[in-house]
Amino acid sequence: PNGLHYFNLTVVDILKNNKTIWASNLTVNETSGANKIIINNSLSIPNNQTIINASETASATIEFKTNRSVSNTIATISSYTQNPGTPNTGIPALNKYLEITTDSQLNDSLSWAVITIYYNDSDIPPGYNENNLRIYYNAPNGSWSPYISPNGGVNVSANYVWANTTHFSLFGIYVLPTCSDGL
């Protein structure tokens, strides 16, 4: 349902045994099929590696490493049930989209990020193989490209799709037309 929701987002420093370095109750404004989670509270990454667990509202986690310590950085995570970007025509979608935008400080220091988006078995279009699910990203030119092995895959027993990337963008779960990475 549309409306204003509250959500607890936890950011942990994984190099300090998952000790919480920042946590806050955030206001989530859900309109037009989108959950927008805004991290705007002095997010600091002193040891260069962090996990953002947004699984409660956005059905996703983002683990990333920077090439230097950053402080007072801002990231915006938006979860959509309808494609807010360029249509990916002809490829079945699970209608799970995640858009991650960051300020230049975090964007310029990003070494890698592993994005995990969770799904339910009922989200898979009838007749499609769950092993063919992949995260696609919406490139600046409007095209959609899949993350295939070794940079992406699916865990069918835990119901999530993952991608290892070096940039933040708009991501979505799609079904590969034919699984091109050996599955």
Protein backbone atom coordinates (compact mmCIF):
# COMPACT_ATOMS: atom_id res chain seq x y z
CA PRO A 1 0.00 0.00 0.00
CA ASN A 2 1.03 3.57 -0.60
CA GLY A 3 1.88 5.77 2.36
CA LEU A 4 4.60 6.62 4.80
CA HIS A 5 6.41 3.73 6.46
CA TYR A 6 9.24 3.41 8.94
CA PHE A 7 12.11 1.04 8.41
CA ASN A 8 15.23 0.15 10.37
CA LEU A 9 18.33 0.18 8.19
CA THR A 10 21.59 -1.10 9.59
CA VAL A 11 25.03 -0.42 8.19
CA VAL A 12 27.77 -2.64 9.56
CA ASP A 13 31.54 -2.57 9.33
CA ILE A 14 32.32 -6.17 8.39
CA LEU A 15 35.98 -5.81 9.22
CA LYS A 16 35.00 -5.21 12.86
CA ASN A 17 32.97 -8.42 13.25
CA ASN A 18 29.73 -6.94 11.94
CA LYS A 19 29.68 -4.25 14.61
CA THR A 20 26.99 -1.73 13.78
CA ILE A 21 28.62 1.57 12.85
CA TRP A 22 25.43 3.39 11.91
CA ALA A 23 21.77 2.56 12.34
CA SER A 24 18.68 4.67 12.21
CA ASN A 25 14.95 4.45 11.85
CA LEU A 26 14.34 5.95 8.45
CA THR A 27 11.18 7.23 6.90
CA VAL A 28 10.25 5.25 3.80
CA ASN A 29 7.89 6.99 1.43
CA GLU A 30 6.13 4.40 -0.70
CA THR A 31 4.41 5.80 -3.77
CA SER A 32 3.84 4.51 -7.29
CA GLY A 33 5.33 1.11 -6.54
CA ALA A 34 8.58 2.47 -5.08
CA ASN A 35 10.18 2.29 -1.67
CA LYS A 36 12.75 5.02 -1.31
CA ILE A 37 15.30 4.61 1.44
CA ILE A 38 17.61 7.57 1.86
CA ILE A 39 20.83 7.18 3.79
CA ASN A 40 21.67 10.74 4.70
CA ASN A 41 23.21 10.52 8.15
CA SER A 42 26.99 10.84 8.02
CA LEU A 43 27.59 7.34 6.67
CA SER A 44 31.28 6.73 7.30
CA ILE A 45 33.33 3.82 6.00
CA PRO A 46 36.49 3.91 8.08
CA ASN A 47 37.81 0.48 7.12
CA ASN A 48 36.73 0.58 3.50
CA GLN A 49 34.24 -2.33 3.55
CA THR A 50 30.57 -2.08 4.52
CA ILE A 51 27.25 -3.90 4.20
CA ILE A 52 23.94 -2.10 3.85
CA ASN A 53 21.14 -4.45 4.80
CA ALA A 54 17.94 -3.14 3.23
CA SER A 55 16.25 -6.54 3.08
CA GLU A 56 13.29 -5.50 5.23
CA THR A 57 11.93 -2.98 2.74
CA ALA A 58 13.95 -3.22 -0.46
CA SER A 59 14.56 -7.01 -0.39
CA ALA A 60 18.25 -6.35 -0.99
CA THR A 61 21.67 -6.10 0.56
CA ILE A 62 24.62 -4.16 -0.77
CA GLU A 63 28.15 -5.01 0.31
CA PHE A 64 30.83 -2.71 -0.99
CA LYS A 65 34.51 -1.87 -0.66
CA THR A 66 36.09 1.50 -1.22
CA ASN A 67 39.71 2.20 -2.09
CA ARG A 68 39.92 4.74 0.74
CA SER A 69 38.05 5.69 3.89
CA VAL A 70 35.07 7.96 3.29
CA SER A 71 32.95 9.95 5.72
CA ASN A 72 29.74 11.93 5.60
CA THR A 73 28.77 10.26 2.34
CA ILE A 74 25.26 9.93 0.99
CA ALA A 75 23.59 7.02 -0.79
CA THR A 76 20.04 6.62 -2.00
CA ILE A 77 18.50 3.18 -2.45
CA SER A 78 15.16 2.97 -4.25
CA SER A 79 13.21 -0.25 -4.67
CA TYR A 80 10.59 -0.46 -7.42
CA THR A 81 7.95 -2.99 -8.45
CA GLN A 82 7.68 -1.41 -11.91
CA ASN A 83 10.58 -0.61 -14.22
CA PRO A 84 11.47 3.09 -13.74
CA GLY A 85 14.07 2.98 -16.54
CA THR A 86 14.28 2.06 -20.18
CA PRO A 87 12.09 -0.97 -20.98
CA ASN A 88 13.93 -4.26 -21.51
CA THR A 89 11.56 -5.54 -24.17
CA GLY A 90 11.20 -9.21 -24.86
CA ILE A 91 12.91 -10.40 -21.68
CA PRO A 92 10.69 -11.62 -18.80
CA ALA A 93 11.14 -9.62 -15.60
CA LEU A 94 10.39 -10.35 -11.96
CA ASN A 95 9.31 -6.72 -11.39
CA LYS A 96 11.99 -6.20 -8.78
CA TYR A 97 14.19 -3.19 -9.44
CA LEU A 98 16.81 -1.53 -7.26
CA GLU A 99 18.29 1.87 -8.01
CA ILE A 100 21.40 2.92 -6.11
CA THR A 101 22.79 6.42 -6.40
CA THR A 102 25.62 7.89 -4.35
CA ASP A 103 27.42 11.15 -3.96
CA SER A 104 30.68 11.65 -5.83
CA GLN A 105 32.83 10.84 -2.78
CA LEU A 106 31.49 7.29 -2.52
CA ASN A 107 31.11 6.82 -6.27
CA ASP A 108 34.70 7.88 -6.98
CA SER A 109 36.16 5.63 -4.28
CA LEU A 110 34.13 2.47 -5.04
CA SER A 111 36.32 -0.60 -5.67
CA TRP A 112 33.51 -3.15 -5.95
CA ALA A 113 29.98 -3.84 -4.76
CA VAL A 114 28.04 -7.09 -4.43
CA ILE A 115 24.34 -6.47 -4.85
CA THR A 116 21.93 -9.15 -3.66
CA ILE A 117 18.21 -8.98 -4.49
CA TYR A 118 15.84 -11.51 -2.93
CA TYR A 119 12.77 -12.98 -4.64
CA ASN A 120 9.98 -15.46 -3.99
CA ASP A 121 9.36 -18.56 -6.10
CA SER A 122 5.95 -17.11 -6.97
CA ASP A 123 7.73 -14.14 -8.65
CA ILE A 124 9.13 -16.36 -11.43
CA PRO A 125 7.09 -16.21 -14.65
CA PRO A 126 5.36 -19.54 -15.44
CA GLY A 127 7.43 -21.81 -17.65
CA TYR A 128 10.78 -20.16 -16.88
CA ASN A 129 13.74 -21.81 -15.21
CA GLU A 130 14.76 -20.29 -11.88
CA ASN A 131 18.40 -21.08 -12.70
CA ASN A 132 18.21 -18.48 -15.50
CA LEU A 133 17.51 -15.51 -13.22
CA ARG A 134 20.14 -12.77 -13.37
CA ILE A 135 20.56 -9.18 -12.32
CA TYR A 136 20.67 -6.81 -15.29
CA TYR A 137 21.79 -3.19 -15.14
CA ASN A 138 20.39 -0.30 -17.11
CA ALA A 139 23.37 1.28 -18.88
CA PRO A 140 23.54 5.04 -19.54
CA ASN A 141 22.75 4.39 -23.22
CA GLY A 142 19.44 2.77 -22.19
CA SER A 143 20.37 -0.85 -22.89
CA TRP A 144 20.10 -3.59 -20.26
CA SER A 145 23.03 -5.97 -19.72
CA PRO A 146 23.15 -9.11 -17.56
CA TYR A 147 25.71 -10.01 -14.95
CA ILE A 148 26.69 -13.55 -15.86
CA SER A 149 29.24 -15.88 -14.28
CA PRO A 150 31.67 -15.09 -12.74
CA ASN A 151 30.18 -11.63 -12.03
CA GLY A 152 26.63 -12.71 -11.28
CA GLY A 153 24.41 -15.64 -10.54
CA VAL A 154 21.48 -17.03 -8.62
CA ASN A 155 21.17 -19.02 -5.41
CA VAL A 156 17.97 -21.02 -5.95
CA SER A 157 17.95 -22.56 -2.47
CA ALA A 158 18.14 -19.16 -0.71
CA ASN A 159 16.08 -17.30 -3.38
CA TYR A 160 18.41 -14.47 -4.28
CA VAL A 161 20.16 -13.14 -7.37
CA TRP A 162 23.53 -11.42 -7.03
CA ALA A 163 25.91 -9.28 -9.07
CA ASN A 164 29.46 -8.11 -8.48
CA THR A 165 29.81 -4.64 -9.99
CA THR A 166 32.08 -1.61 -9.96
CA HIS A 167 29.34 0.99 -10.31
CA PHE A 168 25.91 1.86 -8.97
CA SER A 169 22.97 2.10 -11.33
CA LEU A 170 19.44 0.83 -11.86
CA PHE A 171 19.33 -2.96 -11.49
CA GLY A 172 16.53 -5.46 -12.15
CA ILE A 173 15.94 -9.20 -12.03
CA TYR A 174 15.28 -10.73 -15.45
CA VAL A 175 15.21 -14.22 -16.90
CA LEU A 176 18.07 -14.88 -19.32
CA PRO A 177 16.56 -15.87 -22.70
CA THR A 178 18.98 -18.81 -22.74
CA CYS A 179 21.30 -19.25 -19.83
CA SER A 180 24.65 -18.25 -21.29
CA ASP A 181 26.86 -19.08 -18.34
CA GLY A 182 26.69 -22.85 -18.28
CA LEU A 183 23.59 -23.55 -16.20
